[in-house]
PDB file of N, CA and C in Angstrom:
ATOM      1  N   MET A   1      50.882 -40.099  24.753  1.00  0.00           N
ATOM      2  CA  MET A   1      50.075 -39.756  23.630  1.00  0.00           C
ATOM      3  C   MET A   1      49.960 -40.898  22.591  1.00  0.00           C
ATOM      4  N   ALA A   2      51.029 -41.520  22.263  1.00  0.00           N
ATOM      5  CA  ALA A   2      50.959 -42.580  21.258  1.00  0.00           C
ATOM      6  C   ALA A   2      50.138 -43.779  21.771  1.00  0.00           C
ATOM      7  N   ILE A   3      50.189 -44.062  23.020  1.00  0.00           N
ATOM      8  CA  ILE A   3      49.387 -45.160  23.600  1.00  0.00           C
ATOM      9  C   ILE A   3      47.902 -44.829  23.471  1.00  0.00           C
ATOM     10  N   ARG A   4      47.517 -43.653  23.739  1.00  0.00           N
ATOM     11  CA  ARG A   4      46.138 -43.289  23.647  1.00  0.00           C
ATOM     12  C   ARG A   4      45.631 -43.368  22.170  1.00  0.00           C
ATOM     13  N   LEU A   5      46.493 -42.979  21.257  1.00  0.00           N
ATOM     14  CA  LEU A   5      46.088 -43.060  19.821  1.00  0.00           C
ATOM     15  C   LEU A   5      45.943 -44.514  19.371  1.00  0.00           C
ATOM     16  N   VAL A   6      46.864 -45.362  19.794  1.00  0.00           N
ATOM     17  CA  VAL A   6      46.795 -46.789  19.417  1.00  0.00           C
ATOM     18  C   VAL A   6      45.550 -47.422  20.024  1.00  0.00           C
ATOM     19  N   ILE A   7      45.310 -47.146  21.269  1.00  0.00           N
ATOM     20  CA  ILE A   7      44.104 -47.752  21.939  1.00  0.00           C
ATOM     21  C   ILE A   7      42.847 -47.216  21.275  1.00  0.00           C
ATOM     22  N   GLY A   8      42.827 -45.918  20.999  1.00  0.00           N
ATOM     23  CA  GLY A   8      41.642 -45.353  20.378  1.00  0.00           C
ATOM     24  C   GLY A   8      41.346 -45.942  19.017  1.00  0.00           C
ATOM     25  N   ILE A   9      42.376 -46.030  18.206  1.00  0.00           N
ATOM     26  CA  ILE A   9      42.232 -46.622  16.865  1.00  0.00           C
ATOM     27  C   ILE A   9      41.814 -48.068  16.935  1.00  0.00           C
ATOM     28  N   ALA A  10      42.372 -48.810  17.946  1.00  0.00           N
ATOM     29  CA  ALA A  10      41.996 -50.220  18.061  1.00  0.00           C
ATOM     30  C   ALA A  10      40.542 -50.354  18.454  1.00  0.00           C
ATOM     31  N   LEU A  11      40.057 -49.530  19.385  1.00  0.00           N
ATOM     32  CA  LEU A  11      38.682 -49.619  19.819  1.00  0.00           C
ATOM     33  C   LEU A  11      37.702 -49.283  18.678  1.00  0.00           C
ATOM     34  N   VAL A  12      38.023 -48.217  17.910  1.00  0.00           N
ATOM     35  CA  VAL A  12      37.196 -47.845  16.824  1.00  0.00           C
ATOM     36  C   VAL A  12      37.186 -49.007  15.736  1.00  0.00           C
ATOM     37  N   ALA A  13      38.361 -49.556  15.502  1.00  0.00           N
ATOM     38  CA  ALA A  13      38.458 -50.684  14.525  1.00  0.00           C
ATOM     39  C   ALA A  13      37.666 -51.887  14.978  1.00  0.00           C
ATOM     40  N   LEU A  14      37.627 -52.163  16.272  1.00  0.00           N
ATOM     41  CA  LEU A  14      36.855 -53.310  16.756  1.00  0.00           C
ATOM     42  C   LEU A  14      35.412 -53.153  16.366  1.00  0.00           C
ATOM     43  N   GLY A  15      34.870 -51.926  16.526  1.00  0.00           N
ATOM     44  CA  GLY A  15      33.475 -51.671  16.122  1.00  0.00           C
ATOM     45  C   GLY A  15      33.275 -51.691  14.624  1.00  0.00           C
ATOM     46  N   LEU A  16      34.204 -51.103  13.879  1.00  0.00           N
ATOM     47  CA  LEU A  16      34.026 -51.084  12.444  1.00  0.00           C
ATOM     48  C   LEU A  16      34.127 -52.485  11.824  1.00  0.00           C
ATOM     49  N   LEU A  17      34.945 -53.290  12.396  1.00  0.00           N
ATOM     50  CA  LEU A  17      35.160 -54.669  11.854  1.00  0.00           C
ATOM     51  C   LEU A  17      34.136 -55.646  12.447  1.00  0.00           C
ATOM     52  N   HIS A  18      33.204 -55.161  13.219  1.00  0.00           N
ATOM     53  CA  HIS A  18      32.124 -56.016  13.829  1.00  0.00           C
ATOM     54  C   HIS A  18      32.635 -57.098  14.754  1.00  0.00           C
ATOM     55  N   VAL A  19      33.804 -56.834  15.366  1.00  0.00           N
ATOM     56  CA  VAL A  19      34.291 -57.782  16.373  1.00  0.00           C
ATOM     57  C   VAL A  19      33.435 -57.641  17.609  1.00  0.00           C
ATOM     58  N   VAL A  20      32.973 -56.438  17.936  1.00  0.00           N
ATOM     59  CA  VAL A  20      32.016 -56.189  18.945  1.00  0.00           C
ATOM     60  C   VAL A  20      30.791 -55.574  18.318  1.00  0.00           C
ATOM     61  N   THR A  21      29.643 -55.864  18.865  1.00  0.00           N
ATOM     62  CA  THR A  21      28.374 -55.370  18.316  1.00  0.00           C
ATOM     63  C   THR A  21      27.498 -54.791  19.430  1.00  0.00           C
ATOM     64  N   GLY A  22      26.422 -54.120  18.981  1.00  0.00           N
ATOM     65  CA  GLY A  22      25.448 -53.632  19.938  1.00  0.00           C
ATOM     66  C   GLY A  22      25.997 -52.535  20.811  1.00  0.00           C
ATOM     67  N   THR A  23      25.583 -52.593  22.075  1.00  0.00           N
ATOM     68  CA  THR A  23      25.982 -51.586  23.075  1.00  0.00           C
ATOM     69  C   THR A  23      27.476 -51.538  23.245  1.00  0.00           C
ATOM     70  N   LEU A  24      28.154 -52.665  23.201  1.00  0.00           N
ATOM     71  CA  LEU A  24      29.601 -52.736  23.338  1.00  0.00           C
ATOM     72  C   LEU A  24      30.270 -52.000  22.194  1.00  0.00           C
ATOM     73  N   ALA A  25      29.763 -52.108  21.024  1.00  0.00           N
ATOM     74  CA  ALA A  25      30.302 -51.388  19.858  1.00  0.00           C
ATOM     75  C   ALA A  25      30.161 -49.908  20.040  1.00  0.00           C
ATOM     76  N   ILE A  26      29.013 -49.440  20.507  1.00  0.00           N
ATOM     77  CA  ILE A  26      28.804 -48.042  20.755  1.00  0.00           C
ATOM     78  C   ILE A  26      29.792 -47.531  21.807  1.00  0.00           C
ATOM     79  N   ALA A  27      29.982 -48.289  22.873  1.00  0.00           N
ATOM     80  CA  ALA A  27      30.945 -47.891  23.895  1.00  0.00           C
ATOM     81  C   ALA A  27      32.350 -47.851  23.349  1.00  0.00           C
ATOM     82  N   ALA A  28      32.697 -48.781  22.465  1.00  0.00           N
ATOM     83  CA  ALA A  28      34.048 -48.842  21.853  1.00  0.00           C
ATOM     84  C   ALA A  28      34.230 -47.612  20.977  1.00  0.00           C
ATOM     85  N   TYR A  29      33.202 -47.178  20.231  1.00  0.00           N
ATOM     86  CA  TYR A  29      33.292 -46.029  19.423  1.00  0.00           C
ATOM     87  C   TYR A  29      33.534 -44.760  20.306  1.00  0.00           C
ATOM     88  N   VAL A  30      32.724 -44.622  21.330  1.00  0.00           N
ATOM     89  CA  VAL A  30      32.809 -43.419  22.170  1.00  0.00           C
ATOM     90  C   VAL A  30      34.157 -43.368  22.869  1.00  0.00           C
ATOM     91  N   VAL A  31      34.543 -44.435  23.554  1.00  0.00           N
ATOM     92  CA  VAL A  31      35.818 -44.447  24.305  1.00  0.00           C
ATOM     93  C   VAL A  31      36.986 -44.300  23.285  1.00  0.00           C
ATOM     94  N   GLY A  32      36.892 -44.954  22.139  1.00  0.00           N
ATOM     95  CA  GLY A  32      37.930 -44.828  21.119  1.00  0.00           C
ATOM     96  C   GLY A  32      38.073 -43.416  20.602  1.00  0.00           C
ATOM     97  N   ALA A  33      36.915 -42.771  20.367  1.00  0.00           N
ATOM     98  CA  ALA A  33      36.969 -41.385  19.828  1.00  0.00           C
ATOM     99  C   ALA A  33      37.548 -40.449  20.866  1.00  0.00           C
ATOM    100  N   VAL A  34      37.171 -40.637  22.083  1.00  0.00           N
ATOM    101  CA  VAL A  34      37.743 -39.761  23.189  1.00  0.00           C
ATOM    102  C   VAL A  34      39.232 -40.013  23.339  1.00  0.00           C
ATOM    103  N   ALA A  35      39.666 -41.236  23.248  1.00  0.00           N
ATOM    104  CA  ALA A  35      41.122 -41.545  23.355  1.00  0.00           C
ATOM    105  C   ALA A  35      41.842 -40.925  22.196  1.00  0.00           C
ATOM    106  N   ILE A  36      41.335 -41.001  20.993  1.00  0.00           N
ATOM    107  CA  ILE A  36      41.962 -40.388  19.820  1.00  0.00           C
ATOM    108  C   ILE A  36      42.050 -38.878  19.964  1.00  0.00           C
ATOM    109  N   LEU A  37      40.931 -38.289  20.405  1.00  0.00           N
ATOM    110  CA  LEU A  37      40.846 -36.814  20.537  1.00  0.00           C
ATOM    111  C   LEU A  37      41.877 -36.314  21.614  1.00  0.00           C
ATOM    112  N   THR A  38      41.908 -36.975  22.786  1.00  0.00           N
ATOM    113  CA  THR A  38      42.833 -36.560  23.808  1.00  0.00           C
ATOM    114  C   THR A  38      44.273 -36.801  23.387  1.00  0.00           C
ATOM    115  N   GLY A  39      44.501 -37.862  22.582  1.00  0.00           N
ATOM    116  CA  GLY A  39      45.870 -38.123  22.102  1.00  0.00           C
ATOM    117  C   GLY A  39      46.326 -37.100  21.121  1.00  0.00           C
ATOM    118  N   VAL A  40      45.383 -36.659  20.259  1.00  0.00           N
ATOM    119  CA  VAL A  40      45.763 -35.682  19.222  1.00  0.00           C
ATOM    120  C   VAL A  40      46.000 -34.297  19.852  1.00  0.00           C
ATOM    121  N   ILE A  41      45.115 -33.883  20.777  1.00  0.00           N
ATOM    122  CA  ILE A  41      45.249 -32.550  21.363  1.00  0.00           C
ATOM    123  C   ILE A  41      46.226 -32.522  22.563  1.00  0.00           C
ATOM    124  N   ARG A  42      46.695 -33.704  22.963  1.00  0.00           N
ATOM    125  CA  ARG A  42      47.661 -33.887  24.014  1.00  0.00           C
ATOM    126  C   ARG A  42      47.191 -33.271  25.337  1.00  0.00           C
ATOM    127  N   TYR A  43      45.913 -33.408  25.621  1.00  0.00           N
ATOM    128  CA  TYR A  43      45.366 -32.897  26.855  1.00  0.00           C
ATOM    129  C   TYR A  43      44.175 -33.746  27.274  1.00  0.00           C
ATOM    130  N   CYS A  44      44.158 -34.137  28.513  1.00  0.00           N
ATOM    131  CA  CYS A  44      43.062 -34.950  29.054  1.00  0.00           C
ATOM    132  C   CYS A  44      42.453 -34.253  30.230  1.00  0.00           C
ATOM    133  N   PRO A  45      41.216 -33.778  30.102  1.00  0.00           N
ATOM    134  CA  PRO A  45      40.546 -33.035  31.204  1.00  0.00           C
ATOM    135  C   PRO A  45      40.449 -33.866  32.494  1.00  0.00           C
ATOM    136  N   ALA A  46      40.335 -35.116  32.380  1.00  0.00           N
ATOM    137  CA  ALA A  46      40.214 -35.988  33.581  1.00  0.00           C
ATOM    138  C   ALA A  46      41.448 -35.887  34.451  1.00  0.00           C
ATOM    139  N   TRP A  47      42.639 -35.764  33.850  1.00  0.00           N
ATOM    140  CA  TRP A  47      43.850 -35.648  34.664  1.00  0.00           C
ATOM    141  C   TRP A  47      43.835 -34.341  35.498  1.00  0.00           C
ATOM    142  N   SER A  48      43.310 -33.234  34.902  1.00  0.00           N
ATOM    143  CA  SER A  48      43.317 -31.999  35.625  1.00  0.00           C
ATOM    144  C   SER A  48      42.389 -32.003  36.775  1.00  0.00           C
ATOM    145  N   ILE A  49      41.300 -32.772  36.694  1.00  0.00           N
ATOM    146  CA  ILE A  49      40.361 -32.928  37.791  1.00  0.00           C
ATOM    147  C   ILE A  49      41.044 -33.528  39.011  1.00  0.00           C
ATOM    148  N   PHE A  50      41.909 -34.479  38.739  1.00  0.00           N
ATOM    149  CA  PHE A  50      42.579 -35.174  39.848  1.00  0.00           C
ATOM    150  C   PHE A  50      43.967 -34.535  40.165  1.00  0.00           C
ATOM    151  N   GLY A  51      44.278 -33.418  39.489  1.00  0.00           N
ATOM    152  CA  GLY A  51      45.511 -32.716  39.762  1.00  0.00           C
ATOM    153  C   GLY A  51      46.757 -33.377  39.284  1.00  0.00           C
ATOM    154  N   ILE A  52      46.624 -34.220  38.254  1.00  0.00           N
ATOM    155  CA  ILE A  52      47.806 -34.968  37.769  1.00  0.00           C
ATOM    156  C   ILE A  52      48.340 -34.241  36.548  1.00  0.00           C
ATOM    157  N   ASN A  53      49.672 -34.067  36.489  1.00  0.00           N
ATOM    158  CA  ASN A  53      50.323 -33.466  35.308  1.00  0.00           C
ATOM    159  C   ASN A  53      51.376 -34.419  34.850  1.00  0.00           C
ATOM    160  N   THR A  54      51.183 -34.949  33.624  1.00  0.00           N
ATOM    161  CA  THR A  54      52.116 -35.928  33.098  1.00  0.00           C
ATOM    162  C   THR A  54      53.137 -35.304  32.120  1.00  0.00           C
ATOM    163  N   SER A  55      53.065 -33.997  31.912  1.00  0.00           N
ATOM    164  CA  SER A  55      53.991 -33.374  30.954  1.00  0.00           C
ATOM    165  C   SER A  55      55.302 -33.100  31.695  1.00  0.00           C
ATOM    166  N   SER A  56      56.340 -33.210  30.891  1.00  0.00           N
ATOM    167  CA  SER A  56      57.674 -32.965  31.448  1.00  0.00           C
ATOM    168  C   SER A  56      57.843 -31.419  31.688  1.00  0.00           C
ATOM    169  N   PRO A  57      58.634 -31.083  32.670  1.00  0.00           N
ATOM    170  CA  PRO A  57      58.800 -29.639  32.908  1.00  0.00           C
ATOM    171  C   PRO A  57      59.557 -28.938  31.774  1.00  0.00           C
ATOM    172  N   ALA A  58      59.178 -27.742  31.499  1.00  0.00           N
ATOM    173  CA  ALA A  58      59.807 -26.965  30.402  1.00  0.00           C
ATOM    174  C   ALA A  58      61.310 -26.636  30.761  1.00  0.00           C
ATOM    175  N   HIS A  59      62.131 -26.725  29.743  1.00  0.00           N
ATOM    176  CA  HIS A  59      63.529 -26.422  29.945  1.00  0.00           C
ATOM    177  C   HIS A  59      63.730 -24.907  29.855  1.00  0.00           C
ATOM    178  N   LYS A  60      64.558 -24.379  30.744  1.00  0.00           N
ATOM    179  CA  LYS A  60      64.840 -22.922  30.773  1.00  0.00           C
ATOM    180  C   LYS A  60      66.157 -22.654  30.210  1.00  0.00           C
TER     181      LYS A  60
END
């Protein structure tokens, strides 16, 4: 979760600070926003498509 948030924030910052411009900036915004969203809600739909579960098992 934390890695996704850091990467998302970094990508959005690259666009906002004009480190990347044009189409690359738009891609950075989109990928960054998706990374932030999936980090905040702690769920990534792409993982479920591939049948991957990264959550630890619940303790009983």
